[in-house]
Amino acid sequence: MPDVLKVDNLSAGYDQALVLRGISFGIPEGQSLALLGRNGAGKTTLLNSIVGVTRYRGGSIALDGRDVTRLRPDQRALAGIGWVPQERNIFKSLTVEENLTAIAKEGPWTLESIYAMFPRLKERRGNMGGQLSGGEQQMLAIGRALILNPRIILLDEPLEGLAPILVEELLAALQRIIREEKISAILVEQNAKKILGIVDHAVILERGQIVHAATSEALRNDRATLETYLGVAKAEAAAG
């Protein structure tokens, strides 16, 4: 199965700061990847580098075999890289429906299919983006990425700061998008256990480098690695 996205020996950062060093991985068609690691490990920087908003230092990024390393962010988006940043980047002065229809591209993801995935958005289709709750804004941000019909979608901590009931609702939607719709995806998330059940593979970053790579199932059952790099077992003990 060919890789939708291939990152090879990528090094990047901001201004004079080098954050990522020699990052390499591939994502096959219809597969998903969790990017895990502690705060400051380089997860968001890696997504930003794939999107094209960091300073490139070396290596390459290919989408469907096409080298996109030197393309501008808007060109990468047109090529098929969808992005849901932490800031969500919705148009708060436009309605929900205007947010979606203003950027829609032809493909299987339509206004109707977005509303079917997120009924809350259909209920609030006449509301301005700024009138939505945080969870609803996140649904809209994901809908905006999907309606561009990308080849791969990048989600940067999509569950951060949401109420537990909305976390479960979004997790269910992400599982449908990834497992049933077979959208290739990269998810950044602090809580590994929340997303290891819905993705195919996982890599752990530390100090801008990949220190562990495995299937999501293998990592979910690897308590030693989870504790060493993510402190999962310690966090569970403290919560108990």
Foldseek 3Di string as FASTA:
>chain_A
DDFQKWWAQWWWAADPDIFAGGDTDTHHFLAEEEEEFDPSLCPVVVVCQLLPNTGTDDTFMDGPNHTCNPPHNVVSVLQFEFEQDPVLPFQQAQFLQCSAVVQADDDDQDPVNLCVLPVVCVVRRGHGLVVDDLLVSLSSSVSNRCRNVGQEYEYEASPPPDDPVSLVSVLVSLLCVRPVVSRYYYYYHLDLVSPLVRGFWYFYGGSNYTPDIDTSVVVVPCVVVCCVGRVVVVVVVVVD
